[in-house]
Amino acid sequence: RQRRHMPNLMSRVLFGLALVLAFSGRASAQEAYPSRPITLIVSYAAGGPSDSIARLLGESMSTTLGQQIVIENVAGAGGTTGAARAAKSEANGYTLLIHHVALAAGATLYPKLAYDTLNDFEGIGLVNSGPFVLTAKKGLEVSDIKGAIEYIRTNKDKVTMGNAGVGSGSHLCNMLIQSTLGVKVSEVAYRGTGPAMNDLVGGQIDMLCDQSTNAMSQIQGGTIKAFAVTSTTRMDQLKDLPTMQEAGLPGFEVTQWHALYVPKGTPKPVIDKLHAALEKAFTDQKILARFADFGTVLFPAEARGPAATKAKLASEVDKWGKAIKAAGFEPK
């Protein structure tokens, strides 16, 4: 009797499996990435250089991916608050992070991070790179980089220099200036270089070592003074400004670079799709023109993918770890 019912039972089992597979197939199709909006975390305040770059890329990548990329500004603690939010997010491609050199420096500056800088992120791609510019309020009584250096040496802690928080690029630049000149100035920390630039324009602080991305419009508008760039060569957009090395500070170099990341464990097909969308953004003439306005350049096409991003982060963690310790900075 049981044998007579066996074919019927087997048919039911096979039919059930077919239904499960069919349902799974439909579910997979429905969940094809991306199927909903994506959040792009910016670790600094709205209006700053990282925010500006994120919005340019987000608009282009939204079109390519067919889903809106929503910018979320998570400022604080030199960019580590936003990085921690991203690191703890689900590794499904719906939370991205844009960050710069401060992500690497934070590994040394903050000994109690809520994430592992080298192991909690996967790279999507390197974005752009550019120098910093040493700038000052219009009312500062010096007119060139030699005068600015002498002003810092003479006035020391009476000089107020803004930064975007411990570990920010502006803070690293300030540390290198102080270490090189053997002085200690009064640093004023902000939640991003946007607010710092506002106070520089308003004359509330003396100086700011800011990314060309953020400083360019104010320099060209004549609202602040500009003394020198921190790259090894002069900028095409600011050809009259010498480098810090030309001003008599050998070996002085600080560059800002941005990259996109996702949490560790994000599936490779998702990372590949995001990288392809990022590469598509780099063909947008509007974005390239804005990057040129900022005084930044793209990384070479053959050296800006996920693997190159991971290698760049590792090398910068090592570089700034050594530089910060040499400057005598004591992590808290």
Protein backbone atom coordinates (compact mmCIF):
# COMPACT_ATOMS: atom_id res chain seq x y z
CA ARG A 1 0.00 0.00 0.00
CA GLN A 2 2.81 2.38 0.88
CA ARG A 3 4.55 1.56 -2.38
CA ARG A 4 1.43 2.49 -4.41
CA HIS A 5 1.45 5.99 -2.79
CA MET A 6 5.20 6.57 -3.20
CA PRO A 7 5.04 8.08 -6.75
CA ASN A 8 2.25 10.41 -5.62
CA LEU A 9 4.27 11.53 -2.56
CA MET A 10 7.37 12.09 -4.68
CA SER A 11 5.37 14.20 -7.12
CA ARG A 12 4.17 16.39 -4.29
CA VAL A 13 7.73 16.86 -2.98
CA LEU A 14 9.04 17.76 -6.41
CA PHE A 15 6.14 20.15 -6.97
CA GLY A 16 6.86 21.82 -3.63
CA LEU A 17 10.54 22.21 -4.48
CA ALA A 18 9.59 23.74 -7.80
CA LEU A 19 7.41 26.30 -6.04
CA VAL A 20 10.20 27.19 -3.61
CA LEU A 21 12.71 27.63 -6.42
CA ALA A 22 10.28 29.71 -8.44
CA PHE A 23 9.56 31.93 -5.45
CA SER A 24 13.26 32.27 -4.69
CA GLY A 25 13.93 33.27 -8.28
CA ARG A 26 11.26 35.95 -8.15
CA ALA A 27 12.58 37.21 -4.80
CA SER A 28 16.10 37.40 -6.16
CA ALA A 29 14.89 39.35 -9.15
CA GLN A 30 13.00 41.71 -6.90
CA GLU A 31 16.09 42.23 -4.72
CA ALA A 32 18.46 42.90 -7.64
CA TYR A 33 20.90 45.54 -6.42
CA PRO A 34 20.08 48.31 -5.95
CA SER A 35 16.36 48.03 -5.27
CA ARG A 36 16.07 51.02 -2.93
CA PRO A 37 17.85 54.30 -2.14
CA ILE A 38 21.50 54.23 -1.07
CA THR A 39 22.98 56.32 1.75
CA LEU A 40 26.34 58.00 1.20
CA ILE A 41 27.87 59.05 4.52
CA VAL A 42 30.00 62.20 4.51
CA SER A 43 32.09 62.42 7.68
CA TYR A 44 32.07 66.21 7.69
CA ALA A 45 29.62 69.10 7.74
CA ALA A 46 27.48 70.16 4.80
CA GLY A 47 29.12 72.79 2.64
CA GLY A 48 32.65 71.48 3.07
CA PRO A 49 34.85 70.00 0.32
CA SER A 50 34.02 66.34 1.03
CA ASP A 51 30.32 67.22 0.97
CA SER A 52 30.68 69.03 -2.35
CA ILE A 53 32.47 66.07 -3.95
CA ALA A 54 29.97 63.59 -2.51
CA ARG A 55 27.03 65.49 -3.98
CA LEU A 56 28.62 65.66 -7.43
CA LEU A 57 29.33 61.93 -7.44
CA GLY A 58 26.00 61.06 -5.83
CA GLU A 59 24.00 62.79 -8.54
CA SER A 60 25.83 60.99 -11.34
CA MET A 61 25.87 57.58 -9.66
CA SER A 62 22.16 57.85 -8.84
CA THR A 63 21.42 58.15 -12.55
CA THR A 64 23.67 55.21 -13.43
CA LEU A 65 22.35 52.90 -10.70
CA GLY A 66 18.70 53.87 -11.09
CA GLN A 67 18.33 54.61 -7.37
CA GLN A 68 18.75 57.82 -5.44
CA ILE A 69 21.92 58.26 -3.42
CA VAL A 70 21.04 60.19 -0.29
CA ILE A 71 23.81 62.26 1.34
CA GLU A 72 24.01 61.95 5.12
CA ASN A 73 26.41 64.30 6.92
CA VAL A 74 27.73 62.62 10.07
CA ALA A 75 30.30 65.08 11.39
CA GLY A 76 32.38 64.81 14.53
CA ALA A 77 35.63 63.57 16.05
CA GLY A 78 37.78 64.36 13.02
CA GLY A 79 35.70 62.23 10.69
CA THR A 80 35.70 59.12 12.88
CA THR A 81 32.01 59.38 13.85
CA GLY A 82 30.88 59.00 10.25
CA ALA A 83 33.42 56.25 9.59
CA ALA A 84 32.15 54.33 12.62
CA ARG A 85 28.55 54.65 11.40
CA ALA A 86 29.56 53.23 8.03
CA ALA A 87 31.68 50.42 9.49
CA LYS A 88 28.78 49.22 11.65
CA SER A 89 26.24 49.32 8.82
CA GLU A 90 24.96 46.20 7.12
CA ALA A 91 27.33 45.05 4.39
CA ASN A 92 24.79 45.09 1.58
CA GLY A 93 25.83 48.07 -0.53
CA TYR A 94 23.16 50.43 0.79
CA THR A 95 25.56 52.40 2.99
CA LEU A 96 28.62 54.00 1.41
CA LEU A 97 31.33 56.21 2.91
CA ILE A 98 33.36 58.97 1.33
CA HIS A 99 36.46 59.89 3.29
CA HIS A 100 39.87 61.40 2.81
CA VAL A 101 43.36 61.29 4.32
CA ALA A 102 41.90 61.68 7.82
CA LEU A 103 40.59 58.10 7.70
CA ALA A 104 44.21 56.94 7.51
CA ALA A 105 45.53 59.40 10.09
CA GLY A 106 42.77 58.54 12.54
CA ALA A 107 44.25 55.09 13.01
CA THR A 108 47.10 56.73 14.95
CA LEU A 109 45.36 59.81 16.32
CA TYR A 110 42.51 57.88 17.95
CA PRO A 111 43.71 54.80 19.88
CA LYS A 112 40.17 53.75 20.88
CA LEU A 113 38.35 53.76 17.56
CA ALA A 114 35.07 51.87 17.26
CA TYR A 115 36.36 50.27 14.06
CA ASP A 116 39.50 48.78 12.56
CA THR A 117 40.67 51.18 9.84
CA LEU A 118 42.38 48.55 7.69
CA ASN A 119 39.99 45.65 8.22
CA ASP A 120 36.47 47.07 8.52
CA PHE A 121 36.19 48.66 5.07
CA GLU A 122 36.31 47.59 1.44
CA GLY A 123 37.34 50.11 -1.20
CA ILE A 124 35.07 51.07 -4.08
CA GLY A 125 37.50 53.43 -5.75
CA LEU A 126 39.87 56.36 -5.40
CA VAL A 127 38.34 59.68 -6.40
CA ASN A 128 40.60 62.72 -6.56
CA SER A 129 43.71 64.26 -5.09
CA GLY A 130 44.75 67.85 -4.48
CA PRO A 131 46.91 70.07 -2.31
CA PHE A 132 46.08 72.23 0.67
CA VAL A 133 46.48 75.99 0.60
CA LEU A 134 47.74 78.04 3.53
CA THR A 135 45.26 80.91 3.76
CA ALA A 136 44.62 83.82 6.12
CA LYS A 137 42.00 86.43 6.94
CA LYS A 138 42.19 89.56 4.79
CA GLY A 139 43.14 91.69 7.77
CA LEU A 140 46.31 89.76 8.63
CA GLU A 141 49.27 92.13 8.34
CA VAL A 142 51.41 89.95 6.03
CA SER A 143 51.27 89.58 2.27
CA ASP A 144 53.31 86.51 1.29
CA ILE A 145 54.39 83.08 2.52
CA LYS A 146 57.72 84.27 3.92
CA GLY A 147 55.89 86.90 5.94
CA ALA A 148 53.34 84.32 7.08
CA ILE A 149 56.05 81.90 8.25
CA GLU A 150 57.81 84.69 10.15
CA TYR A 151 54.48 85.78 11.64
CA ILE A 152 53.87 82.26 12.97
CA ARG A 153 57.42 81.96 14.31
CA THR A 154 57.20 85.31 16.08
CA ASN A 155 53.67 85.15 17.49
CA LYS A 156 53.47 81.40 18.18
CA ASP A 157 50.48 80.64 20.44
CA LYS A 158 48.95 84.06 19.71
CA VAL A 159 48.25 82.86 16.17
CA THR A 160 44.85 81.18 15.76
CA MET A 161 44.66 78.45 13.13
CA GLY A 162 41.42 76.68 12.34
CA ASN A 163 41.00 72.98 11.67
CA ALA A 164 38.14 70.59 10.97
CA GLY A 165 38.78 68.53 14.11
CA VAL A 166 41.48 66.15 15.32
CA GLY A 167 42.58 63.95 12.45
CA SER A 168 41.21 66.17 9.70
CA GLY A 169 43.44 67.13 6.80
CA SER A 170 43.62 70.72 8.03
CA HIS A 171 44.71 69.47 11.46
CA LEU A 172 47.43 67.31 9.89
CA CYS A 173 48.61 70.29 7.87
CA ASN A 174 48.71 72.44 11.00
CA MET A 175 50.69 69.77 12.85
CA LEU A 176 53.23 69.60 10.05
CA ILE A 177 53.61 73.39 10.01
CA GLN A 178 54.15 73.52 13.77
CA SER A 179 56.53 70.56 13.75
CA THR A 180 58.54 72.04 10.89
CA LEU A 181 58.76 75.51 12.47
CA GLY A 182 59.23 74.22 16.03
CA VAL A 183 56.36 76.27 17.47
CA LYS A 184 52.92 75.76 18.98
CA VAL A 185 49.99 77.85 17.76
CA SER A 186 46.46 78.11 19.14
CA GLU A 187 44.29 75.73 17.14
CA VAL A 188 40.55 76.23 16.88
CA ALA A 189 38.62 73.05 16.05
CA TYR A 190 35.42 73.07 13.98
CA ARG A 191 33.00 70.42 12.79
CA GLY A 192 34.28 70.61 9.23
CA THR A 193 36.23 73.10 7.13
CA GLY A 194 33.03 74.76 5.90
CA PRO A 195 32.40 76.43 9.28
CA ALA A 196 36.14 77.12 9.67
CA MET A 197 36.24 78.90 6.33
CA ASN A 198 33.21 80.96 7.31
CA ASP A 199 35.05 82.20 10.39
CA LEU A 200 38.21 82.89 8.39
CA VAL A 201 36.22 85.02 5.94
CA GLY A 202 34.65 86.75 8.94
CA GLY A 203 38.04 87.44 10.50
CA GLN A 204 37.40 85.31 13.59
CA ILE A 205 40.58 83.25 13.11
CA ASP A 206 43.96 84.15 11.61
CA MET A 207 44.79 81.22 9.35
CA LEU A 208 43.46 78.03 7.85
CA CYS A 209 45.32 75.31 5.95
CA ASP A 210 42.45 74.20 3.76
CA GLN A 211 41.91 71.92 0.80
CA SER A 212 42.07 73.66 -2.56
CA THR A 213 38.61 72.11 -3.07
CA ASN A 214 37.15 74.39 -0.43
CA ALA A 215 39.47 77.38 -0.59
CA MET A 216 39.52 78.04 -4.33
CA SER A 217 36.28 80.02 -4.61
CA GLN A 218 37.17 82.24 -1.64
CA ILE A 219 40.68 82.86 -2.97
CA GLN A 220 39.37 83.75 -6.41
CA GLY A 221 36.67 85.90 -4.84
CA GLY A 222 39.25 87.86 -2.87
CA THR A 223 37.61 87.25 0.51
CA ILE A 224 40.79 85.73 2.02
CA LYS A 225 44.55 85.79 1.47
CA ALA A 226 46.42 82.81 0.04
CA PHE A 227 50.13 82.24 0.68
CA ALA A 228 51.30 78.82 -0.57
CA VAL A 229 50.26 75.33 -1.64
CA THR A 230 51.35 72.17 0.15
CA SER A 231 52.07 70.03 -2.92
CA THR A 232 55.53 69.57 -4.40
CA THR A 233 54.56 71.50 -7.54
CA ARG A 234 52.52 74.64 -8.10
CA MET A 235 48.85 74.44 -9.01
CA ASP A 236 47.78 75.42 -12.53
CA GLN A 237 44.82 77.34 -11.06
CA LEU A 238 47.04 79.27 -8.62
CA LYS A 239 50.29 79.60 -10.52
CA ASP A 240 51.40 82.67 -8.59
CA LEU A 241 51.39 80.80 -5.28
CA PRO A 242 54.69 79.11 -4.38
CA THR A 243 54.91 75.71 -2.73
CA MET A 244 55.83 75.43 0.94
CA GLN A 245 59.09 73.84 -0.20
CA GLU A 246 59.86 76.87 -2.37
CA ALA A 247 59.27 79.01 0.71
CA GLY A 248 62.13 77.29 2.50
CA LEU A 249 60.46 74.30 4.15
CA PRO A 250 62.18 71.27 2.54
CA GLY A 251 60.21 68.04 2.45
CA PHE A 252 56.93 69.76 3.33
CA GLU A 253 54.10 67.99 1.52
CA VAL A 254 50.45 67.36 2.42
CA THR A 255 47.88 66.27 -0.16
CA GLN A 256 44.22 65.56 0.25
CA TRP A 257 42.70 62.51 -1.41
CA HIS A 258 39.19 61.09 -1.39
CA ALA A 259 37.93 57.54 -1.80
CA LEU A 260 34.64 55.66 -1.57
CA TYR A 261 34.22 52.69 0.79
CA VAL A 262 31.65 50.11 1.90
CA PRO A 263 31.59 47.96 5.06
CA LYS A 264 33.74 44.84 5.10
CA GLY A 265 31.86 41.82 3.77
CA THR A 266 29.93 43.65 1.05
CA PRO A 267 29.48 41.20 -1.86
CA LYS A 268 31.98 41.63 -4.68
CA PRO A 269 29.29 41.97 -7.40
CA VAL A 270 27.87 44.92 -5.47
CA ILE A 271 31.29 46.53 -5.11
CA ASP A 272 31.94 46.00 -8.81
CA LYS A 273 28.63 47.65 -9.70
CA LEU A 274 29.38 50.63 -7.47
CA HIS A 275 32.87 50.95 -8.91
CA ALA A 276 31.46 50.90 -12.45
CA ALA A 277 29.02 53.69 -11.49
CA LEU A 278 31.89 55.69 -10.02
CA GLU A 279 33.93 55.25 -13.20
CA LYS A 280 30.91 56.42 -15.19
CA ALA A 281 30.85 59.58 -13.06
CA PHE A 282 34.45 60.25 -14.09
CA THR A 283 33.30 60.59 -17.70
CA ASP A 284 30.89 63.39 -16.76
CA GLN A 285 32.38 66.62 -18.09
CA LYS A 286 30.51 68.65 -15.46
CA ILE A 287 32.20 66.70 -12.68
CA LEU A 288 35.63 66.93 -14.32
CA ALA A 289 35.19 70.69 -14.75
CA ARG A 290 34.23 71.08 -11.08
CA PHE A 291 37.22 69.00 -10.00
CA ALA A 292 39.43 71.31 -12.09
CA ASP A 293 37.81 74.33 -10.41
CA PHE A 294 38.64 72.76 -7.06
CA GLY A 295 42.26 72.30 -8.09
CA THR A 296 42.12 68.51 -7.85
CA VAL A 297 42.89 65.72 -10.32
CA LEU A 298 41.66 62.16 -10.81
CA PHE A 299 43.81 59.21 -9.90
CA PRO A 300 45.07 57.30 -12.98
CA ALA A 301 42.38 55.02 -14.42
CA GLU A 302 44.55 51.94 -14.03
CA ALA A 303 45.24 52.67 -10.35
CA ARG A 304 41.97 53.70 -8.72
CA GLY A 305 39.93 50.49 -8.38
CA PRO A 306 39.01 48.56 -5.20
CA ALA A 307 42.44 46.93 -4.83
CA ALA A 308 44.27 50.22 -5.39
CA THR A 309 42.01 51.90 -2.81
CA LYS A 310 42.87 49.30 -0.20
CA ALA A 311 46.59 49.62 -0.93
CA LYS A 312 46.44 53.43 -0.79
CA LEU A 313 44.70 53.38 2.58
CA ALA A 314 47.29 50.97 4.01
CA SER A 315 50.22 53.06 2.77
CA GLU A 316 48.71 56.28 4.16
CA VAL A 317 48.04 54.68 7.55
CA ASP A 318 51.74 53.83 7.70
CA LYS A 319 52.89 57.25 6.43
CA TRP A 320 50.82 59.33 8.84
CA GLY A 321 51.44 57.00 11.74
CA LYS A 322 55.14 57.81 11.45
CA ALA A 323 54.57 61.53 10.83
CA ILE A 324 52.20 62.00 13.77
CA LYS A 325 54.53 60.25 16.17
CA ALA A 326 57.45 62.33 14.87
CA ALA A 327 55.43 65.50 15.54
CA GLY A 328 55.07 64.46 19.17
CA PHE A 329 51.27 64.42 19.14
CA GLU A 330 49.83 62.56 22.13
CA PRO A 331 46.61 60.65 21.34
CA LYS A 332 43.88 60.97 23.97
